[in-house]
Amino acid sequence: MIDAPLDRVRLLLSERVGKKIDHQGRRASAVLLLLYPKDGSYCVLFNKRTDIVEFNKGEICFPGGSKDPEDADLRATALRETDEEMGVRPEDVTLFGELDETPVRSGFVIQPFVATIPYPYQFNVSSQEVAAVLEVPFSVLYDRATIREEVRVHPEGHLTRTVAYAYNSHLIYGATANILTQFLDLIGESAGLKEALGA
């Protein structure tokens, strides 16, 4: 049984088709943005990568990774990787929908999926891949004091705005921050949903 705010998130994403990009030889990958109720509010699950993983060493990320040949599709990739990293069993995940594909400098295209899990949940974290588990409340993610904005000038002369999110001693940046911003903007466009999630 999904509670009312999460059911609104499900409805918001149920008919949404994420924008696709030209992969141009990039490797396909997928992540899972998991949100669930905790302590009277809602939070989003992240992990801090260890220093021995191949990609994103020490960074704050959503659980996920590159598509394996045996994965039926990118949903299967996101579920498999989340199980491997966090010990979240695929049968415990309720998928809501997808966000837009996001390219990254390391040569991947990330397909983000949004989902929920029952709470409380007993994570079984891979010590090889995950150094820490972060459950970040929506109230923190929407707090202006959390947000770090930066404008960069590209060699071609155009400006780009990047956003990062500070949480305790951690900084959520790069592709993870871009995906998170996309999701928070969607939530913010739905009347009253941001407040219902505790922001």
C-alpha atoms as a PDB file:
ATOM      1  CA  MET A   1       0.000   0.000   0.000  1.00  0.00           C
ATOM      2  CA  ILE A   2       1.536   3.311  -1.105  1.00  0.00           C
ATOM      3  CA  ASP A   3       0.644   6.358   0.981  1.00  0.00           C
ATOM      4  CA  ALA A   4      -0.973   9.485  -0.501  1.00  0.00           C
ATOM      5  CA  PRO A   5       2.129  11.648  -1.248  1.00  0.00           C
ATOM      6  CA  LEU A   6       3.950   8.733  -2.867  1.00  0.00           C
ATOM      7  CA  ASP A   7       0.836   7.845  -4.852  1.00  0.00           C
ATOM      8  CA  ARG A   8       0.875  11.414  -6.208  1.00  0.00           C
ATOM      9  CA  VAL A   9       4.522  10.955  -7.239  1.00  0.00           C
ATOM     10  CA  ARG A  10       3.565   7.689  -8.953  1.00  0.00           C
ATOM     11  CA  LEU A  11       0.744   9.388 -10.857  1.00  0.00           C
ATOM     12  CA  LEU A  12       3.019  12.275 -11.815  1.00  0.00           C
ATOM     13  CA  LEU A  13       5.527   9.877 -13.382  1.00  0.00           C
ATOM     14  CA  SER A  14       3.257   7.065 -14.587  1.00  0.00           C
ATOM     15  CA  GLU A  15       2.616   8.503 -18.055  1.00  0.00           C
ATOM     16  CA  ARG A  16       5.793  10.534 -18.364  1.00  0.00           C
ATOM     17  CA  VAL A  17       8.269   9.424 -21.025  1.00  0.00           C
ATOM     18  CA  GLY A  18      11.788  10.567 -20.247  1.00  0.00           C
ATOM     19  CA  LYS A  19      13.666  12.484 -22.942  1.00  0.00           C
ATOM     20  CA  LYS A  20      16.228  10.415 -24.805  1.00  0.00           C
ATOM     21  CA  ILE A  21      19.544  11.648 -26.193  1.00  0.00           C
ATOM     22  CA  ASP A  22      21.855  10.476 -28.960  1.00  0.00           C
ATOM     23  CA  HIS A  23      24.204   8.064 -27.228  1.00  0.00           C
ATOM     24  CA  GLN A  24      26.998   8.699 -29.774  1.00  0.00           C
ATOM     25  CA  GLY A  25      28.932   5.649 -28.629  1.00  0.00           C
ATOM     26  CA  ARG A  26      28.321   6.257 -24.915  1.00  0.00           C
ATOM     27  CA  ARG A  27      27.649   3.279 -22.645  1.00  0.00           C
ATOM     28  CA  ALA A  28      24.117   2.787 -21.330  1.00  0.00           C
ATOM     29  CA  SER A  29      23.630   2.876 -17.558  1.00  0.00           C
ATOM     30  CA  ALA A  30      20.789   3.297 -15.088  1.00  0.00           C
ATOM     31  CA  VAL A  31      20.237   4.508 -11.542  1.00  0.00           C
ATOM     32  CA  LEU A  32      17.413   4.273  -9.037  1.00  0.00           C
ATOM     33  CA  LEU A  33      16.169   7.362  -7.208  1.00  0.00           C
ATOM     34  CA  LEU A  34      14.510   5.804  -4.158  1.00  0.00           C
ATOM     35  CA  LEU A  35      12.247   7.885  -1.945  1.00  0.00           C
ATOM     36  CA  TYR A  36      10.382   6.710   1.132  1.00  0.00           C
ATOM     37  CA  PRO A  37       8.892   7.975   4.399  1.00  0.00           C
ATOM     38  CA  LYS A  38      11.172   8.339   7.404  1.00  0.00           C
ATOM     39  CA  ASP A  39      10.664  10.103  10.740  1.00  0.00           C
ATOM     40  CA  GLY A  40       7.489  11.893   9.664  1.00  0.00           C
ATOM     41  CA  SER A  41       8.957  13.203   6.402  1.00  0.00           C
ATOM     42  CA  TYR A  42      10.333  11.709   3.191  1.00  0.00           C
ATOM     43  CA  CYS A  43      13.913  11.151   2.140  1.00  0.00           C
ATOM     44  CA  VAL A  44      15.974  10.218  -0.898  1.00  0.00           C
ATOM     45  CA  LEU A  45      18.573   7.438  -0.780  1.00  0.00           C
ATOM     46  CA  PHE A  46      22.174   8.034  -1.859  1.00  0.00           C
ATOM     47  CA  ASN A  47      25.418   6.228  -1.274  1.00  0.00           C
ATOM     48  CA  LYS A  48      28.990   7.387  -0.983  1.00  0.00           C
ATOM     49  CA  ARG A  49      31.192   5.346  -3.296  1.00  0.00           C
ATOM     50  CA  THR A  50      34.337   3.726  -1.956  1.00  0.00           C
ATOM     51  CA  ASP A  51      37.794   4.660  -3.231  1.00  0.00           C
ATOM     52  CA  ILE A  52      38.241   1.254  -4.876  1.00  0.00           C
ATOM     53  CA  VAL A  53      35.343   1.335  -7.370  1.00  0.00           C
ATOM     54  CA  GLU A  54      36.128   1.922 -11.049  1.00  0.00           C
ATOM     55  CA  PHE A  55      34.004   5.055 -11.473  1.00  0.00           C
ATOM     56  CA  ASN A  56      32.927   7.940  -9.200  1.00  0.00           C
ATOM     57  CA  LYS A  57      35.423   7.174  -6.427  1.00  0.00           C
ATOM     58  CA  GLY A  58      34.359   8.822  -3.171  1.00  0.00           C
ATOM     59  CA  GLU A  59      31.377  10.591  -4.780  1.00  0.00           C
ATOM     60  CA  ILE A  60      27.775  10.739  -3.609  1.00  0.00           C
ATOM     61  CA  CYS A  61      25.612   8.811  -6.086  1.00  0.00           C
ATOM     62  CA  PHE A  62      22.299   7.099  -6.602  1.00  0.00           C
ATOM     63  CA  PRO A  63      22.613   3.302  -6.628  1.00  0.00           C
ATOM     64  CA  GLY A  64      23.150   2.126 -10.182  1.00  0.00           C
ATOM     65  CA  GLY A  65      25.669   1.312 -12.861  1.00  0.00           C
ATOM     66  CA  SER A  66      26.276   0.194 -16.429  1.00  0.00           C
ATOM     67  CA  LYS A  67      24.035  -2.175 -18.363  1.00  0.00           C
ATOM     68  CA  ASP A  68      25.210  -5.776 -18.503  1.00  0.00           C
ATOM     69  CA  PRO A  69      24.488  -8.001 -21.523  1.00  0.00           C
ATOM     70  CA  GLU A  70      22.199 -10.203 -19.408  1.00  0.00           C
ATOM     71  CA  ASP A  71      20.016  -7.256 -18.326  1.00  0.00           C
ATOM     72  CA  ALA A  72      16.680  -7.385 -20.146  1.00  0.00           C
ATOM     73  CA  ASP A  73      16.460  -3.584 -20.163  1.00  0.00           C
ATOM     74  CA  LEU A  74      17.629  -0.549 -18.198  1.00  0.00           C
ATOM     75  CA  ARG A  75      14.991  -1.098 -15.505  1.00  0.00           C
ATOM     76  CA  ALA A  76      16.613  -4.465 -14.895  1.00  0.00           C
ATOM     77  CA  THR A  77      20.000  -2.747 -14.758  1.00  0.00           C
ATOM     78  CA  ALA A  78      18.833  -0.266 -12.118  1.00  0.00           C
ATOM     79  CA  LEU A  79      17.256  -3.005  -9.996  1.00  0.00           C
ATOM     80  CA  ARG A  80      20.248  -5.344 -10.284  1.00  0.00           C
ATOM     81  CA  GLU A  81      22.770  -2.637  -9.405  1.00  0.00           C
ATOM     82  CA  THR A  82      20.693  -1.416  -6.455  1.00  0.00           C
ATOM     83  CA  ASP A  83      20.538  -4.976  -5.148  1.00  0.00           C
ATOM     84  CA  GLU A  84      24.288  -5.445  -5.593  1.00  0.00           C
ATOM     85  CA  GLU A  85      25.217  -2.130  -3.956  1.00  0.00           C
ATOM     86  CA  MET A  86      22.555  -1.648  -1.292  1.00  0.00           C
ATOM     87  CA  GLY A  87      21.029  -5.090  -0.793  1.00  0.00           C
ATOM     88  CA  VAL A  88      17.605  -3.826  -1.863  1.00  0.00           C
ATOM     89  CA  ARG A  89      15.792  -6.799  -3.367  1.00  0.00           C
ATOM     90  CA  PRO A  90      14.067  -6.124  -6.723  1.00  0.00           C
ATOM     91  CA  GLU A  91      10.796  -7.581  -5.406  1.00  0.00           C
ATOM     92  CA  ASP A  92      10.754  -4.904  -2.679  1.00  0.00           C
ATOM     93  CA  VAL A  93      10.957  -2.041  -5.186  1.00  0.00           C
ATOM     94  CA  THR A  94       7.861  -0.271  -6.544  1.00  0.00           C
ATOM     95  CA  LEU A  95       8.795   1.585  -9.720  1.00  0.00           C
ATOM     96  CA  PHE A  96       7.026   4.891 -10.431  1.00  0.00           C
ATOM     97  CA  GLY A  97       8.539   5.973 -13.743  1.00  0.00           C
ATOM     98  CA  GLU A  98      11.548   7.481 -15.436  1.00  0.00           C
ATOM     99  CA  LEU A  99      13.325  10.814 -15.712  1.00  0.00           C
ATOM    100  CA  ASP A 100      15.291  12.190 -18.679  1.00  0.00           C
ATOM    101  CA  GLU A 101      18.490  10.534 -19.828  1.00  0.00           C
ATOM    102  CA  THR A 102      21.601  12.306 -18.552  1.00  0.00           C
ATOM    103  CA  PRO A 103      25.017  12.209 -20.276  1.00  0.00           C
ATOM    104  CA  VAL A 104      28.186  12.190 -18.170  1.00  0.00           C
ATOM    105  CA  ARG A 105      31.805  13.034 -18.973  1.00  0.00           C
ATOM    106  CA  SER A 106      32.993   9.498 -18.215  1.00  0.00           C
ATOM    107  CA  GLY A 107      31.297   8.260 -21.401  1.00  0.00           C
ATOM    108  CA  PHE A 108      27.989   6.998 -20.042  1.00  0.00           C
ATOM    109  CA  VAL A 109      24.352   7.939 -20.548  1.00  0.00           C
ATOM    110  CA  ILE A 110      22.341   7.480 -17.365  1.00  0.00           C
ATOM    111  CA  GLN A 111      18.669   6.493 -17.417  1.00  0.00           C
ATOM    112  CA  PRO A 112      17.201   7.439 -14.015  1.00  0.00           C
ATOM    113  CA  PHE A 113      14.183   5.626 -12.583  1.00  0.00           C
ATOM    114  CA  VAL A 114      12.139   6.771  -9.576  1.00  0.00           C
ATOM    115  CA  ALA A 115      10.843   4.202  -7.091  1.00  0.00           C
ATOM    116  CA  THR A 116      10.025   3.512  -3.455  1.00  0.00           C
ATOM    117  CA  ILE A 117      10.706   0.751  -0.938  1.00  0.00           C
ATOM    118  CA  PRO A 118       9.006  -0.208   2.333  1.00  0.00           C
ATOM    119  CA  TYR A 119      10.373   1.556   5.397  1.00  0.00           C
ATOM    120  CA  PRO A 120      12.075   0.723   7.669  1.00  0.00           C
ATOM    121  CA  TYR A 121      14.336  -1.297   5.392  1.00  0.00           C
ATOM    122  CA  GLN A 122      17.353  -3.385   6.316  1.00  0.00           C
ATOM    123  CA  PHE A 123      20.023  -2.465   3.772  1.00  0.00           C
ATOM    124  CA  ASN A 124      22.721  -5.051   3.090  1.00  0.00           C
ATOM    125  CA  VAL A 125      25.456  -2.778   1.769  1.00  0.00           C
ATOM    126  CA  SER A 126      28.411  -3.912  -0.364  1.00  0.00           C
ATOM    127  CA  SER A 127      31.557  -2.849   1.478  1.00  0.00           C
ATOM    128  CA  GLN A 128      33.460  -3.016  -1.832  1.00  0.00           C
ATOM    129  CA  GLU A 129      31.257  -0.401  -3.477  1.00  0.00           C
ATOM    130  CA  VAL A 130      29.611   1.661  -0.726  1.00  0.00           C
ATOM    131  CA  ALA A 131      31.460   3.637   1.953  1.00  0.00           C
ATOM    132  CA  ALA A 132      28.351   5.246   3.510  1.00  0.00           C
ATOM    133  CA  VAL A 133      24.569   5.344   3.190  1.00  0.00           C
ATOM    134  CA  LEU A 134      22.864   8.748   3.064  1.00  0.00           C
ATOM    135  CA  GLU A 135      19.134   9.223   3.616  1.00  0.00           C
ATOM    136  CA  VAL A 136      18.591  12.896   2.815  1.00  0.00           C
ATOM    137  CA  PRO A 137      15.260  14.512   3.813  1.00  0.00           C
ATOM    138  CA  PHE A 138      13.273  16.534   1.268  1.00  0.00           C
ATOM    139  CA  SER A 139      13.315  19.438   3.724  1.00  0.00           C
ATOM    140  CA  VAL A 140      17.117  19.569   3.336  1.00  0.00           C
ATOM    141  CA  LEU A 141      17.085  19.210  -0.446  1.00  0.00           C
ATOM    142  CA  TYR A 142      14.689  22.136  -0.857  1.00  0.00           C
ATOM    143  CA  ASP A 143      16.459  24.343   1.717  1.00  0.00           C
ATOM    144  CA  ARG A 144      18.159  27.282  -0.025  1.00  0.00           C
ATOM    145  CA  ALA A 145      21.047  26.977   2.441  1.00  0.00           C
ATOM    146  CA  THR A 146      21.733  23.495   1.060  1.00  0.00           C
ATOM    147  CA  ILE A 147      22.069  24.562  -2.565  1.00  0.00           C
ATOM    148  CA  ARG A 148      25.368  25.592  -4.121  1.00  0.00           C
ATOM    149  CA  GLU A 149      25.144  27.266  -7.537  1.00  0.00           C
ATOM    150  CA  GLU A 150      27.983  27.798  -9.965  1.00  0.00           C
ATOM    151  CA  VAL A 151      28.115  29.353 -13.423  1.00  0.00           C
ATOM    152  CA  ARG A 152      30.791  28.080 -15.786  1.00  0.00           C
ATOM    153  CA  VAL A 153      32.035  29.507 -19.073  1.00  0.00           C
ATOM    154  CA  HIS A 154      32.580  26.850 -21.729  1.00  0.00           C
ATOM    155  CA  PRO A 155      35.391  27.166 -24.292  1.00  0.00           C
ATOM    156  CA  GLU A 156      32.717  27.878 -26.932  1.00  0.00           C
ATOM    157  CA  GLY A 157      31.713  30.941 -24.909  1.00  0.00           C
ATOM    158  CA  HIS A 158      28.306  29.907 -23.563  1.00  0.00           C
ATOM    159  CA  LEU A 159      27.434  29.814 -19.875  1.00  0.00           C
ATOM    160  CA  THR A 160      26.121  26.825 -17.973  1.00  0.00           C
ATOM    161  CA  ARG A 161      24.648  26.786 -14.487  1.00  0.00           C
ATOM    162  CA  THR A 162      25.443  23.854 -12.237  1.00  0.00           C
ATOM    163  CA  VAL A 163      23.805  23.047  -8.937  1.00  0.00           C
ATOM    164  CA  ALA A 164      25.168  21.027  -6.025  1.00  0.00           C
ATOM    165  CA  TYR A 165      23.603  20.079  -2.686  1.00  0.00           C
ATOM    166  CA  ALA A 166      25.431  20.146   0.636  1.00  0.00           C
ATOM    167  CA  TYR A 167      24.426  17.605   3.277  1.00  0.00           C
ATOM    168  CA  ASN A 168      26.424  17.463   6.493  1.00  0.00           C
ATOM    169  CA  SER A 169      30.028  17.001   5.299  1.00  0.00           C
ATOM    170  CA  HIS A 170      28.954  15.669   1.894  1.00  0.00           C
ATOM    171  CA  LEU A 171      28.412  17.389  -1.450  1.00  0.00           C
ATOM    172  CA  ILE A 172      26.053  15.975  -4.070  1.00  0.00           C
ATOM    173  CA  TYR A 173      27.236  17.252  -7.451  1.00  0.00           C
ATOM    174  CA  GLY A 174      27.680  16.379 -11.118  1.00  0.00           C
ATOM    175  CA  ALA A 175      25.263  14.010 -12.856  1.00  0.00           C
ATOM    176  CA  THR A 176      23.682  12.970  -9.541  1.00  0.00           C
ATOM    177  CA  ALA A 177      22.867  16.605  -8.730  1.00  0.00           C
ATOM    178  CA  ASN A 178      21.505  17.137 -12.271  1.00  0.00           C
ATOM    179  CA  ILE A 179      19.170  14.153 -11.933  1.00  0.00           C
ATOM    180  CA  LEU A 180      18.112  15.255  -8.455  1.00  0.00           C
ATOM    181  CA  THR A 181      17.385  18.801  -9.678  1.00  0.00           C
ATOM    182  CA  GLN A 182      15.264  17.427 -12.519  1.00  0.00           C
ATOM    183  CA  PHE A 183      13.231  15.398 -10.023  1.00  0.00           C
ATOM    184  CA  LEU A 184      12.846  18.231  -7.495  1.00  0.00           C
ATOM    185  CA  ASP A 185      11.701  20.584 -10.271  1.00  0.00           C
ATOM    186  CA  LEU A 186       9.036  18.057 -11.332  1.00  0.00           C
ATOM    187  CA  ILE A 187       7.826  17.726  -7.743  1.00  0.00           C
ATOM    188  CA  GLY A 188       7.771  21.504  -7.359  1.00  0.00           C
ATOM    189  CA  GLU A 189       5.525  21.872 -10.412  1.00  0.00           C
ATOM    190  CA  SER A 190       2.808  19.703  -8.851  1.00  0.00           C
ATOM    191  CA  ALA A 191       0.648  21.831  -6.550  1.00  0.00           C
ATOM    192  CA  GLY A 192       1.216  21.029  -2.884  1.00  0.00           C
ATOM    193  CA  LEU A 193       3.313  17.908  -3.506  1.00  0.00           C
ATOM    194  CA  LYS A 194       6.560  19.423  -2.261  1.00  0.00           C
ATOM    195  CA  GLU A 195       4.871  20.313   1.029  1.00  0.00           C
ATOM    196  CA  ALA A 196       3.247  16.874   1.274  1.00  0.00           C
ATOM    197  CA  LEU A 197       6.714  15.328   1.072  1.00  0.00           C
ATOM    198  CA  GLY A 198       7.897  17.432   4.008  1.00  0.00           C
ATOM    199  CA  ALA A 199       9.701  20.283   2.250  1.00  0.00           C
END
